[in-house]
Each structure stands twice: as C-alpha cells, then as structure tokens.
PDB file of N, CA and C in Angstrom:
ATOM      1  N   MET A   1      39.435 116.113 -10.969  1.00  0.00           N
ATOM      2  CA  MET A   1      40.537 116.047  -9.983  1.00  0.00           C
ATOM      3  C   MET A   1      40.543 114.583  -9.361  1.00  0.00           C
ATOM      4  N   SER A   2      42.108 113.886  -9.601  1.00  0.00           N
ATOM      5  CA  SER A   2      41.921 112.601  -9.045  1.00  0.00           C
ATOM      6  C   SER A   2      42.005 112.666  -7.422  1.00  0.00           C
ATOM      7  N   ASP A   3      41.603 111.246  -6.936  1.00  0.00           N
ATOM      8  CA  ASP A   3      41.620 111.138  -5.515  1.00  0.00           C
ATOM      9  C   ASP A   3      42.707 110.743  -4.993  1.00  0.00           C
ATOM     10  N   ALA A   4      43.608 110.329  -6.126  1.00  0.00           N
ATOM     11  CA  ALA A   4      44.836 109.823  -5.408  1.00  0.00           C
ATOM     12  C   ALA A   4      45.716 110.789  -4.842  1.00  0.00           C
ATOM     13  N   PRO A   5      46.662 110.163  -3.708  1.00  0.00           N
ATOM     14  CA  PRO A   5      47.337 111.125  -3.312  1.00  0.00           C
ATOM     15  C   PRO A   5      48.626 111.768  -3.999  1.00  0.00           C
ATOM     16  N   LEU A   6      49.038 112.764  -3.623  1.00  0.00           N
ATOM     17  CA  LEU A   6      50.076 113.552  -4.510  1.00  0.00           C
ATOM     18  C   LEU A   6      51.491 113.042  -3.942  1.00  0.00           C
ATOM     19  N   GLN A   7      52.182 112.596  -4.598  1.00  0.00           N
ATOM     20  CA  GLN A   7      53.710 112.160  -4.430  1.00  0.00           C
ATOM     21  C   GLN A   7      54.604 113.176  -4.621  1.00  0.00           C
ATOM     22  N   ILE A   8      55.019 113.776  -3.439  1.00  0.00           N
ATOM     23  CA  ILE A   8      56.162 115.136  -3.522  1.00  0.00           C
ATOM     24  C   ILE A   8      57.640 114.655  -2.907  1.00  0.00           C
ATOM     25  N   GLU A   9      58.439 115.389  -3.328  1.00  0.00           N
ATOM     26  CA  GLU A   9      59.790 115.443  -2.565  1.00  0.00           C
ATOM     27  C   GLU A   9      59.997 116.809  -1.827  1.00  0.00           C
ATOM     28  N   ILE A  10      60.462 116.753  -0.792  1.00  0.00           N
ATOM     29  CA  ILE A  10      61.066 117.679   0.363  1.00  0.00           C
ATOM     30  C   ILE A  10      62.375 117.470   0.411  1.00  0.00           C
ATOM     31  N   ALA A  11      63.297 118.516   0.252  1.00  0.00           N
ATOM     32  CA  ALA A  11      64.628 118.495   0.100  1.00  0.00           C
ATOM     33  C   ALA A  11      65.407 119.656   0.836  1.00  0.00           C
ATOM     34  N   TYR A  12      66.516 119.329   1.527  1.00  0.00           N
ATOM     35  CA  TYR A  12      67.120 120.246   2.411  1.00  0.00           C
ATOM     36  C   TYR A  12      68.463 119.648   2.458  1.00  0.00           C
ATOM     37  N   ALA A  13      69.618 120.912   1.916  1.00  0.00           N
ATOM     38  CA  ALA A  13      71.024 120.643   1.850  1.00  0.00           C
ATOM     39  C   ALA A  13      71.887 121.363   2.913  1.00  0.00           C
ATOM     40  N   GLU A  14      72.497 120.713   3.466  1.00  0.00           N
ATOM     41  CA  GLU A  14      73.965 121.472   4.139  1.00  0.00           C
ATOM     42  C   GLU A  14      75.463 120.847   3.556  1.00  0.00           C
ATOM     43  N   PRO A  15      76.348 121.492   4.014  1.00  0.00           N
ATOM     44  CA  PRO A  15      77.448 121.183   3.283  1.00  0.00           C
ATOM     45  C   PRO A  15      77.973 119.560   3.712  1.00  0.00           C
ATOM     46  N   GLN A  16      77.390 119.205   4.802  1.00  0.00           N
ATOM     47  CA  GLN A  16      77.789 117.757   5.464  1.00  0.00           C
ATOM     48  C   GLN A  16      76.856 116.750   5.234  1.00  0.00           C
ATOM     49  N   ARG A  17      75.355 117.289   4.975  1.00  0.00           N
ATOM     50  CA  ARG A  17      74.334 116.312   4.871  1.00  0.00           C
ATOM     51  C   ARG A  17      73.389 116.985   3.625  1.00  0.00           C
ATOM     52  N   VAL A  18      72.378 115.843   3.499  1.00  0.00           N
ATOM     53  CA  VAL A  18      71.465 116.212   2.581  1.00  0.00           C
ATOM     54  C   VAL A  18      70.046 115.277   2.826  1.00  0.00           C
ATOM     55  N   ILE A  19      69.174 116.185   3.275  1.00  0.00           N
ATOM     56  CA  ILE A  19      67.912 115.138   3.197  1.00  0.00           C
ATOM     57  C   ILE A  19      66.822 115.387   2.276  1.00  0.00           C
ATOM     58  N   VAL A  20      66.427 114.496   1.648  1.00  0.00           N
ATOM     59  CA  VAL A  20      65.369 114.037   0.694  1.00  0.00           C
ATOM     60  C   VAL A  20      64.622 113.069   1.257  1.00  0.00           C
ATOM     61  N   LYS A  21      63.295 113.669   1.346  1.00  0.00           N
ATOM     62  CA  LYS A  21      61.953 112.857   1.579  1.00  0.00           C
ATOM     63  C   LYS A  21      61.150 112.694   0.708  1.00  0.00           C
ATOM     64  N   VAL A  22      60.156 111.559   0.647  1.00  0.00           N
ATOM     65  CA  VAL A  22      59.046 111.380  -0.235  1.00  0.00           C
ATOM     66  C   VAL A  22      57.962 111.769   0.759  1.00  0.00           C
ATOM     67  N   LEU A  23      56.876 112.357   0.343  1.00  0.00           N
ATOM     68  CA  LEU A  23      56.048 112.621   1.163  1.00  0.00           C
ATOM     69  C   LEU A  23      54.576 112.213   0.194  1.00  0.00           C
ATOM     70  N   HIS A  24      53.406 111.500   0.982  1.00  0.00           N
ATOM     71  CA  HIS A  24      52.295 111.287   0.273  1.00  0.00           C
ATOM     72  C   HIS A  24      51.386 112.379   0.528  1.00  0.00           C
ATOM     73  N   LEU A  25      50.732 113.369   0.059  1.00  0.00           N
ATOM     74  CA  LEU A  25      49.738 114.138   0.868  1.00  0.00           C
ATOM     75  C   LEU A  25      48.345 114.284  -0.201  1.00  0.00           C
ATOM     76  N   PRO A  26      47.375 114.693   0.516  1.00  0.00           N
ATOM     77  CA  PRO A  26      46.167 114.428  -0.179  1.00  0.00           C
ATOM     78  C   PRO A  26      45.827 115.504  -1.269  1.00  0.00           C
ATOM     79  N   PRO A  27      45.152 115.318  -2.355  1.00  0.00           N
ATOM     80  CA  PRO A  27      44.972 116.246  -3.378  1.00  0.00           C
ATOM     81  C   PRO A  27      44.491 117.348  -3.178  1.00  0.00           C
ATOM     82  N   GLY A  28      45.203 118.446  -3.605  1.00  0.00           N
ATOM     83  CA  GLY A  28      44.649 119.867  -3.119  1.00  0.00           C
ATOM     84  C   GLY A  28      45.810 120.491  -1.930  1.00  0.00           C
ATOM     85  N   SER A  29      46.457 119.622  -1.479  1.00  0.00           N
ATOM     86  CA  SER A  29      47.717 120.320  -0.491  1.00  0.00           C
ATOM     87  C   SER A  29      48.395 121.096  -1.050  1.00  0.00           C
ATOM     88  N   ARG A  30      48.886 121.959  -0.140  1.00  0.00           N
ATOM     89  CA  ARG A  30      49.855 123.430  -0.593  1.00  0.00           C
ATOM     90  C   ARG A  30      51.360 122.935   0.091  1.00  0.00           C
ATOM     91  N   VAL A  31      52.023 124.035  -0.066  1.00  0.00           N
ATOM     92  CA  VAL A  31      53.750 123.618   0.239  1.00  0.00           C
ATOM     93  C   VAL A  31      53.347 123.612   1.783  1.00  0.00           C
ATOM     94  N   ALA A  32      52.550 124.348   2.538  1.00  0.00           N
ATOM     95  CA  ALA A  32      52.621 124.967   3.973  1.00  0.00           C
ATOM     96  C   ALA A  32      52.042 123.438   4.438  1.00  0.00           C
ATOM     97  N   ASP A  33      51.483 122.659   4.025  1.00  0.00           N
ATOM     98  CA  ASP A  33      51.156 121.188   4.476  1.00  0.00           C
ATOM     99  C   ASP A  33      52.163 120.286   4.642  1.00  0.00           C
ATOM    100  N   ALA A  34      52.863 120.362   3.405  1.00  0.00           N
ATOM    101  CA  ALA A  34      53.827 119.487   2.975  1.00  0.00           C
ATOM    102  C   ALA A  34      55.058 119.958   4.307  1.00  0.00           C
ATOM    103  N   LEU A  35      55.328 121.051   4.399  1.00  0.00           N
ATOM    104  CA  LEU A  35      56.226 121.598   5.494  1.00  0.00           C
ATOM    105  C   LEU A  35      55.918 121.350   7.095  1.00  0.00           C
ATOM    106  N   ARG A  36      54.409 121.288   7.084  1.00  0.00           N
ATOM    107  CA  ARG A  36      53.818 120.930   8.830  1.00  0.00           C
ATOM    108  C   ARG A  36      54.141 119.276   8.462  1.00  0.00           C
ATOM    109  N   GLU A  37      54.053 118.253   7.520  1.00  0.00           N
ATOM    110  CA  GLU A  37      54.553 116.996   7.782  1.00  0.00           C
ATOM    111  C   GLU A  37      55.742 116.722   7.733  1.00  0.00           C
ATOM    112  N   ALA A  38      56.811 117.559   7.221  1.00  0.00           N
ATOM    113  CA  ALA A  38      58.419 117.265   7.093  1.00  0.00           C
ATOM    114  C   ALA A  38      58.718 117.982   8.697  1.00  0.00           C
ATOM    115  N   ALA A  39      57.873 118.488   9.484  1.00  0.00           N
ATOM    116  CA  ALA A  39      58.157 119.133  10.773  1.00  0.00           C
ATOM    117  C   ALA A  39      58.200 118.030  11.682  1.00  0.00           C
ATOM    118  N   LEU A  40      57.222 116.927  11.292  1.00  0.00           N
ATOM    119  CA  LEU A  40      57.160 115.528  11.990  1.00  0.00           C
ATOM    120  C   LEU A  40      58.429 114.955  11.960  1.00  0.00           C
ATOM    121  N   ASP A  41      59.037 114.624  11.035  1.00  0.00           N
ATOM    122  CA  ASP A  41      60.086 113.916  10.804  1.00  0.00           C
ATOM    123  C   ASP A  41      61.535 114.589  11.581  1.00  0.00           C
ATOM    124  N   PRO A  42      62.078 113.491  12.308  1.00  0.00           N
ATOM    125  CA  PRO A  42      63.260 113.781  12.989  1.00  0.00           C
ATOM    126  C   PRO A  42      64.347 114.303  12.340  1.00  0.00           C
ATOM    127  N   ASP A  43      64.646 113.765  11.199  1.00  0.00           N
ATOM    128  CA  ASP A  43      65.568 114.307  10.318  1.00  0.00           C
ATOM    129  C   ASP A  43      65.588 115.996  10.053  1.00  0.00           C
ATOM    130  N   PHE A  44      64.256 116.516  10.096  1.00  0.00           N
ATOM    131  CA  PHE A  44      64.309 118.231   9.854  1.00  0.00           C
ATOM    132  C   PHE A  44      64.489 118.731  11.158  1.00  0.00           C
ATOM    133  N   ILE A  45      64.693 117.934  12.293  1.00  0.00           N
ATOM    134  CA  ILE A  45      64.791 118.917  13.502  1.00  0.00           C
ATOM    135  C   ILE A  45      66.033 119.746  13.214  1.00  0.00           C
ATOM    136  N   GLY A  46      65.802 121.082  13.619  1.00  0.00           N
ATOM    137  CA  GLY A  46      66.904 122.438  13.385  1.00  0.00           C
ATOM    138  C   GLY A  46      66.752 122.747  12.357  1.00  0.00           C
ATOM    139  N   VAL A  47      66.101 122.179  11.113  1.00  0.00           N
ATOM    140  CA  VAL A  47      65.905 123.343  10.004  1.00  0.00           C
ATOM    141  C   VAL A  47      64.842 123.934  10.216  1.00  0.00           C
ATOM    142  N   ASP A  48      64.945 125.454   9.857  1.00  0.00           N
ATOM    143  CA  ASP A  48      64.058 126.496  10.013  1.00  0.00           C
ATOM    144  C   ASP A  48      62.967 126.230   9.082  1.00  0.00           C
ATOM    145  N   LEU A  49      62.085 125.501   9.122  1.00  0.00           N
ATOM    146  CA  LEU A  49      60.735 125.261   8.208  1.00  0.00           C
ATOM    147  C   LEU A  49      59.882 126.492   7.951  1.00  0.00           C
ATOM    148  N   ALA A  50      59.892 127.239   9.203  1.00  0.00           N
ATOM    149  CA  ALA A  50      58.770 128.566   9.095  1.00  0.00           C
ATOM    150  C   ALA A  50      59.435 129.668   8.489  1.00  0.00           C
ATOM    151  N   ASN A  51      60.564 129.874   8.559  1.00  0.00           N
ATOM    152  CA  ASN A  51      61.264 131.123   8.003  1.00  0.00           C
ATOM    153  C   ASN A  51      62.146 130.790   6.640  1.00  0.00           C
ATOM    154  N   SER A  52      62.509 129.621   6.463  1.00  0.00           N
ATOM    155  CA  SER A  52      63.250 129.461   5.092  1.00  0.00           C
ATOM    156  C   SER A  52      62.629 129.825   3.987  1.00  0.00           C
ATOM    157  N   PRO A  53      63.450 130.668   2.923  1.00  0.00           N
ATOM    158  CA  PRO A  53      62.944 130.516   1.639  1.00  0.00           C
ATOM    159  C   PRO A  53      62.587 129.308   1.303  1.00  0.00           C
ATOM    160  N   LEU A  54      61.600 129.228   0.474  1.00  0.00           N
ATOM    161  CA  LEU A  54      61.284 127.704  -0.343  1.00  0.00           C
ATOM    162  C   LEU A  54      61.377 127.747  -2.075  1.00  0.00           C
ATOM    163  N   GLY A  55      61.586 126.677  -2.470  1.00  0.00           N
ATOM    164  CA  GLY A  55      61.253 126.840  -3.990  1.00  0.00           C
ATOM    165  C   GLY A  55      60.923 125.633  -4.402  1.00  0.00           C
ATOM    166  N   ILE A  56      60.446 125.415  -5.566  1.00  0.00           N
ATOM    167  CA  ILE A  56      60.032 124.419  -6.330  1.00  0.00           C
ATOM    168  C   ILE A  56      60.798 124.099  -7.804  1.00  0.00           C
ATOM    169  N   PHE A  57      61.922 123.354  -7.623  1.00  0.00           N
ATOM    170  CA  PHE A  57      62.506 122.871  -8.826  1.00  0.00           C
ATOM    171  C   PHE A  57      63.307 124.262  -9.220  1.00  0.00           C
ATOM    172  N   GLY A  58      63.756 124.887  -8.122  1.00  0.00           N
ATOM    173  CA  GLY A  58      64.611 126.187  -8.397  1.00  0.00           C
ATOM    174  C   GLY A  58      63.898 127.484  -8.312  1.00  0.00           C
ATOM    175  N   ARG A  59      62.466 127.489  -8.438  1.00  0.00           N
ATOM    176  CA  ARG A  59      61.931 128.801  -8.427  1.00  0.00           C
ATOM    177  C   ARG A  59      61.510 129.128  -7.386  1.00  0.00           C
ATOM    178  N   LEU A  60      61.280 130.382  -6.635  1.00  0.00           N
ATOM    179  CA  LEU A  60      60.768 130.699  -5.148  1.00  0.00           C
ATOM    180  C   LEU A  60      59.502 130.367  -5.110  1.00  0.00           C
ATOM    181  N   THR A  61      58.762 129.773  -4.373  1.00  0.00           N
ATOM    182  CA  THR A  61      57.593 129.648  -4.233  1.00  0.00           C
ATOM    183  C   THR A  61      56.818 129.817  -2.608  1.00  0.00           C
ATOM    184  N   PRO A  62      55.702 130.441  -2.951  1.00  0.00           N
ATOM    185  CA  PRO A  62      55.116 130.845  -1.523  1.00  0.00           C
ATOM    186  C   PRO A  62      54.552 129.633  -0.988  1.00  0.00           C
ATOM    187  N   ARG A  63      54.142 129.676   0.234  1.00  0.00           N
ATOM    188  CA  ARG A  63      53.697 128.745   1.332  1.00  0.00           C
ATOM    189  C   ARG A  63      52.241 128.091   0.605  1.00  0.00           C
ATOM    190  N   ASP A  64      51.562 128.917   0.028  1.00  0.00           N
ATOM    191  CA  ASP A  64      50.287 128.778  -0.394  1.00  0.00           C
ATOM    192  C   ASP A  64      50.062 128.095  -1.659  1.00  0.00           C
ATOM    193  N   HIS A  65      51.373 127.794  -2.119  1.00  0.00           N
ATOM    194  CA  HIS A  65      51.192 127.468  -3.651  1.00  0.00           C
ATOM    195  C   HIS A  65      50.530 125.896  -3.677  1.00  0.00           C
ATOM    196  N   ALA A  66      49.863 125.803  -4.634  1.00  0.00           N
ATOM    197  CA  ALA A  66      49.155 124.209  -4.599  1.00  0.00           C
ATOM    198  C   ALA A  66      50.366 123.388  -5.182  1.00  0.00           C
ATOM    199  N   LEU A  67      50.199 122.189  -4.406  1.00  0.00           N
ATOM    200  CA  LEU A  67      51.283 121.387  -5.076  1.00  0.00           C
ATOM    201  C   LEU A  67      50.766 120.444  -6.223  1.00  0.00           C
ATOM    202  N   GLN A  68      51.869 120.260  -6.971  1.00  0.00           N
ATOM    203  CA  GLN A  68      51.387 118.966  -8.063  1.00  0.00           C
ATOM    204  C   GLN A  68      51.897 117.690  -8.006  1.00  0.00           C
ATOM    205  N   GLN A  69      51.752 116.749  -8.437  1.00  0.00           N
ATOM    206  CA  GLN A  69      52.147 115.290  -8.589  1.00  0.00           C
ATOM    207  C   GLN A  69      53.696 115.786  -8.910  1.00  0.00           C
ATOM    208  N   GLY A  70      54.625 114.884  -8.186  1.00  0.00           N
ATOM    209  CA  GLY A  70      56.068 114.968  -8.493  1.00  0.00           C
ATOM    210  C   GLY A  70      56.648 116.171  -7.941  1.00  0.00           C
ATOM    211  N   ASP A  71      56.112 117.382  -7.499  1.00  0.00           N
ATOM    212  CA  ASP A  71      56.781 118.488  -7.185  1.00  0.00           C
ATOM    213  C   ASP A  71      57.876 118.013  -6.240  1.00  0.00           C
ATOM    214  N   ARG A  72      58.973 118.998  -5.990  1.00  0.00           N
ATOM    215  CA  ARG A  72      60.015 118.869  -5.345  1.00  0.00           C
ATOM    216  C   ARG A  72      60.335 120.049  -4.532  1.00  0.00           C
ATOM    217  N   ILE A  73      59.877 120.253  -3.157  1.00  0.00           N
ATOM    218  CA  ILE A  73      60.259 121.469  -2.454  1.00  0.00           C
ATOM    219  C   ILE A  73      61.337 121.555  -2.163  1.00  0.00           C
ATOM    220  N   GLU A  74      62.287 122.689  -2.156  1.00  0.00           N
ATOM    221  CA  GLU A  74      63.700 122.847  -1.785  1.00  0.00           C
ATOM    222  C   GLU A  74      63.316 123.788  -0.715  1.00  0.00           C
ATOM    223  N   ILE A  75      64.109 123.456   0.628  1.00  0.00           N
ATOM    224  CA  ILE A  75      64.192 124.459   1.459  1.00  0.00           C
ATOM    225  C   ILE A  75      65.685 125.029   1.285  1.00  0.00           C
ATOM    226  N   TYR A  76      65.714 126.431   1.022  1.00  0.00           N
ATOM    227  CA  TYR A  76      66.958 126.905   1.223  1.00  0.00           C
ATOM    228  C   TYR A  76      67.444 127.435   2.382  1.00  0.00           C
ATOM    229  N   ARG A  77      68.606 127.552   2.562  1.00  0.00           N
ATOM    230  CA  ARG A  77      69.299 128.032   4.000  1.00  0.00           C
ATOM    231  C   ARG A  77      70.168 129.292   3.372  1.00  0.00           C
ATOM    232  N   PRO A  78      70.199 130.042   4.479  1.00  0.00           N
ATOM    233  CA  PRO A  78      70.923 131.261   4.185  1.00  0.00           C
ATOM    234  C   PRO A  78      72.232 131.070   3.795  1.00  0.00           C
ATOM    235  N   LEU A  79      72.703 132.030   2.793  1.00  0.00           N
ATOM    236  CA  LEU A  79      74.032 132.050   2.339  1.00  0.00           C
ATOM    237  C   LEU A  79      75.135 132.637   3.586  1.00  0.00           C
ATOM    238  N   ALA A  80      76.161 131.700   3.424  1.00  0.00           N
ATOM    239  CA  ALA A  80      77.038 132.216   4.425  1.00  0.00           C
ATOM    240  C   ALA A  80      77.930 133.568   4.353  1.00  0.00           C
ATOM    241  N   ALA A  81      77.927 133.759   2.860  1.00  0.00           N
ATOM    242  CA  ALA A  81      78.370 135.337   2.694  1.00  0.00           C
ATOM    243  C   ALA A  81      77.592 135.618   1.370  1.00  0.00           C
ATOM    244  N   ASP A  82      77.311 136.969   1.484  1.00  0.00           N
ATOM    245  CA  ASP A  82      77.118 137.767   0.259  1.00  0.00           C
ATOM    246  C   ASP A  82      77.909 137.300  -0.756  1.00  0.00           C
ATOM    247  N   PRO A  83      77.518 136.579  -2.246  1.00  0.00           N
ATOM    248  CA  PRO A  83      77.951 136.492  -3.202  1.00  0.00           C
ATOM    249  C   PRO A  83      79.108 137.658  -3.824  1.00  0.00           C
ATOM    250  N   LYS A  84      78.491 138.689  -3.925  1.00  0.00           N
ATOM    251  CA  LYS A  84      79.067 139.876  -4.510  1.00  0.00           C
ATOM    252  C   LYS A  84      80.351 140.210  -3.553  1.00  0.00           C
ATOM    253  N   VAL A  85      80.104 140.436  -2.270  1.00  0.00           N
ATOM    254  CA  VAL A  85      81.311 140.622  -1.342  1.00  0.00           C
ATOM    255  C   VAL A  85      82.510 139.186  -1.584  1.00  0.00           C
ATOM    256  N   ALA A  86      82.024 138.339  -1.508  1.00  0.00           N
ATOM    257  CA  ALA A  86      82.702 137.195  -1.415  1.00  0.00           C
ATOM    258  C   ALA A  86      83.565 137.295  -3.051  1.00  0.00           C
ATOM    259  N   ARG A  87      82.948 137.585  -3.964  1.00  0.00           N
ATOM    260  CA  ARG A  87      83.990 137.931  -5.186  1.00  0.00           C
ATOM    261  C   ARG A  87      84.802 139.026  -4.973  1.00  0.00           C
ATOM    262  N   ARG A  88      84.250 140.043  -4.704  1.00  0.00           N
ATOM    263  CA  ARG A  88      85.236 141.133  -4.597  1.00  0.00           C
ATOM    264  C   ARG A  88      86.637 140.757  -3.572  1.00  0.00           C
ATOM    265  N   GLU A  89      86.206 140.095  -2.658  1.00  0.00           N
ATOM    266  CA  GLU A  89      87.159 139.348  -1.494  1.00  0.00           C
ATOM    267  C   GLU A  89      88.513 138.809  -2.489  1.00  0.00           C
ATOM    268  N   ARG A  90      87.728 137.561  -3.247  1.00  0.00           N
ATOM    269  CA  ARG A  90      88.702 136.936  -4.241  1.00  0.00           C
ATOM    270  C   ARG A  90      89.201 137.594  -5.064  1.00  0.00           C
ATOM    271  N   ALA A  91      88.707 138.620  -5.807  1.00  0.00           N
ATOM    272  CA  ALA A  91      89.527 139.294  -6.906  1.00  0.00           C
ATOM    273  C   ALA A  91      90.718 140.152  -6.000  1.00  0.00           C
ATOM    274  N   LYS A  92      90.254 140.621  -4.753  1.00  0.00           N
ATOM    275  CA  LYS A  92      91.349 141.392  -3.850  1.00  0.00           C
ATOM    276  C   LYS A  92      92.491 140.681  -3.733  1.00  0.00           C
ATOM    277  N   GLN A  93      92.254 139.427  -3.432  1.00  0.00           N
ATOM    278  CA  GLN A  93      93.503 138.708  -2.961  1.00  0.00           C
ATOM    279  C   GLN A  93      94.202 137.957  -3.938  1.00  0.00           C
ATOM    280  N   ALA A  94      93.508 137.814  -5.070  1.00  0.00           N
ATOM    281  CA  ALA A  94      94.051 137.360  -6.637  1.00  0.00           C
ATOM    282  C   ALA A  94      95.188 138.622  -7.013  1.00  0.00           C
ATOM    283  N   ARG A  95      94.760 139.723  -6.995  1.00  0.00           N
ATOM    284  CA  ARG A  95      95.848 141.060  -7.418  1.00  0.00           C
ATOM    285  C   ARG A  95      96.805 141.307  -6.425  1.00  0.00           C
ATOM    286  N   ALA A  96      96.565 140.712  -5.295  1.00  0.00           N
ATOM    287  CA  ALA A  96      97.408 140.943  -4.041  1.00  0.00           C
ATOM    288  C   ALA A  96      98.922 139.542  -4.211  1.00  0.00           C
ATOM    289  N   ALA A  97      98.151 138.755  -4.793  1.00  0.00           N
ATOM    290  CA  ALA A  97      99.154 137.491  -4.953  1.00  0.00           C
ATOM    291  C   ALA A  97     100.217 137.408  -5.960  1.00  0.00           C
ATOM    292  N   PRO A  98     101.656 137.426  -5.664  1.00  0.00           N
ATOM    293  CA  PRO A  98     102.202 137.314  -7.048  1.00  0.00           C
ATOM    294  C   PRO A  98     101.645 136.428  -7.815  1.00  0.00           C
ATOM    295  N   SER A  99     102.072 136.844  -9.344  1.00  0.00           N
ATOM    296  CA  SER A  99     101.552 135.757 -10.510  1.00  0.00           C
ATOM    297  C   SER A  99     102.740 134.759 -10.593  1.00  0.00           C
ATOM    298  N   LYS A 100     102.298 133.587 -11.260  1.00  0.00           N
ATOM    299  CA  LYS A 100     103.200 132.428 -11.185  1.00  0.00           C
ATOM    300  C   LYS A 100     104.114 132.596 -12.505  1.00  0.00           C
ATOM    301  N   SER A 101     103.934 133.605 -13.384  1.00  0.00           N
ATOM    302  CA  SER A 101     104.961 133.846 -14.505  1.00  0.00           C
ATOM    303  C   SER A 101     105.893 134.721 -14.239  1.00  0.00           C
ATOM    304  N   GLY A 102     106.211 135.213 -12.926  1.00  0.00           N
ATOM    305  CA  GLY A 102     107.182 135.718 -12.643  1.00  0.00           C
ATOM    306  C   GLY A 102     107.128 137.458 -12.699  1.00  0.00           C
ATOM    307  N   ARG A 103     106.042 137.710 -13.334  1.00  0.00           N
ATOM    308  CA  ARG A 103     105.690 139.303 -13.545  1.00  0.00           C
ATOM    309  C   ARG A 103     104.361 139.484 -12.490  1.00  0.00           C
ATOM    310  N   SER A 104     104.649 140.764 -11.832  1.00  0.00           N
ATOM    311  CA  SER A 104     103.178 141.171 -10.827  1.00  0.00           C
ATOM    312  C   SER A 104     102.636 142.060 -11.718  1.00  0.00           C
TER     313      SER A 104
END
C-alpha cells in the first residue's frame, strides 16, 4: 500500500448550485472520513451529510466503504416527488388536454 494521500472528490447538487470539492485523505480512509472532512467546509453547511444516501460514481455506497484513488462520492438529496406518482400525473394531464391534431 502506498503512503501517498488519496485524492477524491465529493459532490452535491441542488437545482440552483453544485458543490464539487477535491479532498486529500490518508490511505485507508473511508467514506465517513471524507464526510467528516466535508462537514468542515462552509459550502456544505445545510447539507444533511449524516443521513443522505451516498454513492460512488452512481452506485450506492455505505459509509464504511474504503476509498480508492480518484473516487467521487456523490451525496444524494431526497426526491421532490415519487417518480411513479409524477409520471402518472403527467399522463393524466396529457389525457385531459385536447390534442393538437383536432381529435380528442
């Protein structure tokens, strides 16, 4: 194992802003270690680091996962609406709207 620090990214996105930070952590660090480091950054104030689901490159990841060089931890925020419910609502509205071809 190398003694070189791990360089990883931690990312969080909202509709109005995106936070992406590069962290340098000791070898053997885990996701929880990166979250503790991110909690010290003022840009992450208000982000629920303790309870938000997390992933590395789109795959859900536990907090005790060992980090690898170049990993990107993604902090996921709660969905505004259940995707199935939102789709049903859009379909319902589309059926209720008159078609543009003149047929109903």
